[in-house]
Structure formats: structure tokens, C-alpha cells
């Protein structure tokens, strides 16, 4: 799943970043990928 790959990259590349940033990215890609998953 593309989102999981992006999420892993975010975590690996931003280990010292606030969790709030990762959470925002998670929500953004979650809602962004939904229409694509629904096809």
C-alpha cells in the first residue's frame, strides 16, 4: 500500500520530528488516498 510506504518514509526521515507532524501527515494521506482506494 502506497500510504504505508509513505508513512514509513516519514517516520524514517523525520525520527526527531514532533509526533503532531507525523499525525497530520497520517490524516492527510489517509483522507487523500481514500478516493483512490474506493476506485
PDB file of N, CA and C in Angstrom:
ATOM      1  N   UNK A   1       0.846  -1.196   0.000  1.00  0.00           N
ATOM      2  CA  UNK A   1       0.000   0.000   0.000  1.00  0.00           C
ATOM      3  C   UNK A   1       0.880   1.245   0.000  1.00  0.00           C
ATOM      4  N   UNK A   2       0.593   2.146  -0.925  1.00  0.00           N
ATOM      5  CA  UNK A   2       1.438   3.329  -1.091  1.00  0.00           C
ATOM      6  C   UNK A   2       1.507   4.140   0.189  1.00  0.00           C
ATOM      7  N   UNK A   3       0.372   4.269   0.870  1.00  0.00           N
ATOM      8  CA  UNK A   3       0.351   5.081   2.095  1.00  0.00           C
ATOM      9  C   UNK A   3       1.323   4.543   3.132  1.00  0.00           C
ATOM     10  N   UNK A   4       1.368   3.230   3.310  1.00  0.00           N
ATOM     11  CA  UNK A   4       2.262   2.642   4.299  1.00  0.00           C
ATOM     12  C   UNK A   4       3.712   2.941   3.952  1.00  0.00           C
ATOM     13  N   UNK A   5       4.027   2.907   2.662  1.00  0.00           N
ATOM     14  CA  UNK A   5       5.383   3.224   2.223  1.00  0.00           C
ATOM     15  C   UNK A   5       5.723   4.666   2.554  1.00  0.00           C
ATOM     16  N   UNK A   6       4.772   5.569   2.274  1.00  0.00           N
ATOM     17  CA  UNK A   6       4.987   6.990   2.567  1.00  0.00           C
ATOM     18  C   UNK A   6       5.129   7.192   4.064  1.00  0.00           C
ATOM     19  N   UNK A   7       4.277   6.494   4.820  1.00  0.00           N
ATOM     20  CA  UNK A   7       4.318   6.631   6.273  1.00  0.00           C
ATOM     21  C   UNK A   7       5.667   6.177   6.807  1.00  0.00           C
ATOM     22  N   UNK A   8       6.177   5.057   6.299  1.00  0.00           N
ATOM     23  CA  UNK A   8       7.485   4.562   6.724  1.00  0.00           C
ATOM     24  C   UNK A   8       8.566   5.583   6.403  1.00  0.00           C
ATOM     25  N   UNK A   9       8.492   6.176   5.199  1.00  0.00           N
ATOM     26  CA  UNK A   9       9.488   7.174   4.808  1.00  0.00           C
ATOM     27  C   UNK A   9       9.438   8.375   5.738  1.00  0.00           C
ATOM     28  N   UNK A  10       8.223   8.801   6.110  1.00  0.00           N
ATOM     29  CA  UNK A  10       8.076   9.939   7.010  1.00  0.00           C
ATOM     30  C   UNK A  10       8.715   9.624   8.357  1.00  0.00           C
ATOM     31  N   UNK A  11       8.431   8.423   8.873  1.00  0.00           N
ATOM     32  CA  UNK A  11       8.969   8.041  10.182  1.00  0.00           C
ATOM     33  C   UNK A  11      10.485   7.935  10.132  1.00  0.00           C
ATOM     34  N   UNK A  12      11.011   7.317   9.076  1.00  0.00           N
ATOM     35  CA  UNK A  12      12.450   7.120   8.971  1.00  0.00           C
ATOM     36  C   UNK A  12      13.184   8.437   8.737  1.00  0.00           C
ATOM     37  N   UNK A  13      12.581   9.315   7.944  1.00  0.00           N
ATOM     38  CA  UNK A  13      13.247  10.562   7.586  1.00  0.00           C
ATOM     39  C   UNK A  13      13.022  11.663   8.617  1.00  0.00           C
ATOM     40  N   UNK A  14      12.063  11.474   9.513  1.00  0.00           N
ATOM     41  CA  UNK A  14      11.745  12.519  10.483  1.00  0.00           C
ATOM     42  C   UNK A  14      11.636  11.931  11.887  1.00  0.00           C
ATOM     43  N   UNK A  15      12.630  11.144  12.252  1.00  0.00           N
ATOM     44  CA  UNK A  15      12.605  10.492  13.568  1.00  0.00           C
ATOM     45  C   UNK A  15      12.554  11.519  14.688  1.00  0.00           C
ATOM     46  N   UNK A  16      13.172  12.672  14.469  1.00  0.00           N
ATOM     47  CA  UNK A  16      13.241  13.683  15.531  1.00  0.00           C
ATOM     48  C   UNK A  16      12.147  14.725  15.400  1.00  0.00           C
ATOM     49  N   UNK A  17      11.225  14.504  14.445  1.00  0.00           N
ATOM     50  CA  UNK A  17      10.142  15.456  14.235  1.00  0.00           C
ATOM     51  C   UNK A  17       9.025  15.202  15.244  1.00  0.00           C
ATOM     52  N   UNK A  18       8.290  16.261  15.580  1.00  0.00           N
ATOM     53  CA  UNK A  18       7.183  16.114  16.516  1.00  0.00           C
ATOM     54  C   UNK A  18       6.180  15.097  16.006  1.00  0.00           C
ATOM     55  N   UNK A  19       5.605  14.340  16.913  1.00  0.00           N
ATOM     56  CA  UNK A  19       4.609  13.348  16.526  1.00  0.00           C
ATOM     57  C   UNK A  19       3.382  14.021  15.919  1.00  0.00           C
ATOM     58  N   UNK A  20       3.135  15.269  16.285  1.00  0.00           N
ATOM     59  CA  UNK A  20       1.993  16.000  15.729  1.00  0.00           C
ATOM     60  C   UNK A  20       2.139  16.108  14.212  1.00  0.00           C
ATOM     61  N   UNK A  21       3.360  16.348  13.737  1.00  0.00           N
ATOM     62  CA  UNK A  21       3.606  16.448  12.299  1.00  0.00           C
ATOM     63  C   UNK A  21       3.293  15.117  11.617  1.00  0.00           C
ATOM     64  N   UNK A  22       3.771  14.028  12.207  1.00  0.00           N
ATOM     65  CA  UNK A  22       3.515  12.698  11.643  1.00  0.00           C
ATOM     66  C   UNK A  22       2.019  12.414  11.654  1.00  0.00           C
ATOM     67  N   UNK A  23       1.341  12.834  12.715  1.00  0.00           N
ATOM     68  CA  UNK A  23      -0.104  12.621  12.817  1.00  0.00           C
ATOM     69  C   UNK A  23      -0.836  13.372  11.715  1.00  0.00           C
ATOM     70  N   UNK A  24      -0.433  14.624  11.478  1.00  0.00           N
ATOM     71  CA  UNK A  24      -1.046  15.428  10.415  1.00  0.00           C
ATOM     72  C   UNK A  24      -0.813  14.767   9.057  1.00  0.00           C
ATOM     73  N   UNK A  25       0.405  14.300   8.825  1.00  0.00           N
ATOM     74  CA  UNK A  25       0.701  13.620   7.561  1.00  0.00           C
ATOM     75  C   UNK A  25      -0.159  12.366   7.424  1.00  0.00           C
ATOM     76  N   UNK A  26      -0.320  11.637   8.529  1.00  0.00           N
ATOM     77  CA  UNK A  26      -1.134  10.421   8.511  1.00  0.00           C
ATOM     78  C   UNK A  26      -2.572  10.735   8.117  1.00  0.00           C
ATOM     79  N   UNK A  27      -3.155  11.751   8.757  1.00  0.00           N
ATOM     80  CA  UNK A  27      -4.541  12.138   8.454  1.00  0.00           C
ATOM     81  C   UNK A  27      -4.648  12.599   7.002  1.00  0.00           C
ATOM     82  N   UNK A  28      -3.696  13.419   6.566  1.00  0.00           N
ATOM     83  CA  UNK A  28      -3.739  13.954   5.195  1.00  0.00           C
ATOM     84  C   UNK A  28      -3.748  12.831   4.165  1.00  0.00           C
ATOM     85  N   UNK A  29      -2.773  11.917   4.278  1.00  0.00           N
ATOM     86  CA  UNK A  29      -2.676  10.846   3.293  1.00  0.00           C
ATOM     87  C   UNK A  29      -3.824   9.856   3.441  1.00  0.00           C
ATOM     88  N   UNK A  30      -4.332   9.685   4.675  1.00  0.00           N
ATOM     89  CA  UNK A  30      -5.451   8.768   4.891  1.00  0.00           C
ATOM     90  C   UNK A  30      -6.672   9.225   4.102  1.00  0.00           C
ATOM     91  N   UNK A  31      -7.016  10.515   4.248  1.00  0.00           N
ATOM     92  CA  UNK A  31      -8.177  11.039   3.534  1.00  0.00           C
ATOM     93  C   UNK A  31      -7.879  11.246   2.052  1.00  0.00           C
ATOM     94  N   UNK A  32      -6.604  11.527   1.740  1.00  0.00           N
ATOM     95  CA  UNK A  32      -6.229  11.752   0.349  1.00  0.00           C
ATOM     96  C   UNK A  32      -6.287  10.455  -0.454  1.00  0.00           C
ATOM     97  N   UNK A  33      -5.901   9.335   0.181  1.00  0.00           N
ATOM     98  CA  UNK A  33      -5.855   8.053  -0.522  1.00  0.00           C
ATOM     99  C   UNK A  33      -7.210   7.364  -0.562  1.00  0.00           C
ATOM    100  N   UNK A  34      -8.160   7.790   0.273  1.00  0.00           N
ATOM    101  CA  UNK A  34      -9.457   7.104   0.338  1.00  0.00           C
ATOM    102  C   UNK A  34     -10.143   7.017  -1.023  1.00  0.00           C
ATOM    103  N   UNK A  35     -10.314   8.133  -1.760  1.00  0.00           N
ATOM    104  CA  UNK A  35     -10.982   8.054  -3.063  1.00  0.00           C
ATOM    105  C   UNK A  35     -10.271   7.092  -4.009  1.00  0.00           C
ATOM    106  N   UNK A  36      -8.954   7.041  -3.949  1.00  0.00           N
ATOM    107  CA  UNK A  36      -8.201   6.151  -4.825  1.00  0.00           C
ATOM    108  C   UNK A  36      -8.472   4.701  -4.450  1.00  0.00           C
ATOM    109  N   UNK A  37      -8.575   4.418  -3.156  1.00  0.00           N
ATOM    110  CA  UNK A  37      -8.826   3.056  -2.713  1.00  0.00           C
ATOM    111  C   UNK A  37     -10.241   2.621  -3.074  1.00  0.00           C
ATOM    112  N   UNK A  38     -11.181   3.569  -3.051  1.00  0.00           N
ATOM    113  CA  UNK A  38     -12.555   3.240  -3.401  1.00  0.00           C
ATOM    114  C   UNK A  38     -12.697   2.984  -4.898  1.00  0.00           C
ATOM    115  N   UNK A  39     -11.785   3.564  -5.696  1.00  0.00           N
ATOM    116  CA  UNK A  39     -11.795   3.342  -7.132  1.00  0.00           C
ATOM    117  C   UNK A  39     -13.029   3.920  -7.779  1.00  0.00           C
TER     118      UNK A  39
END
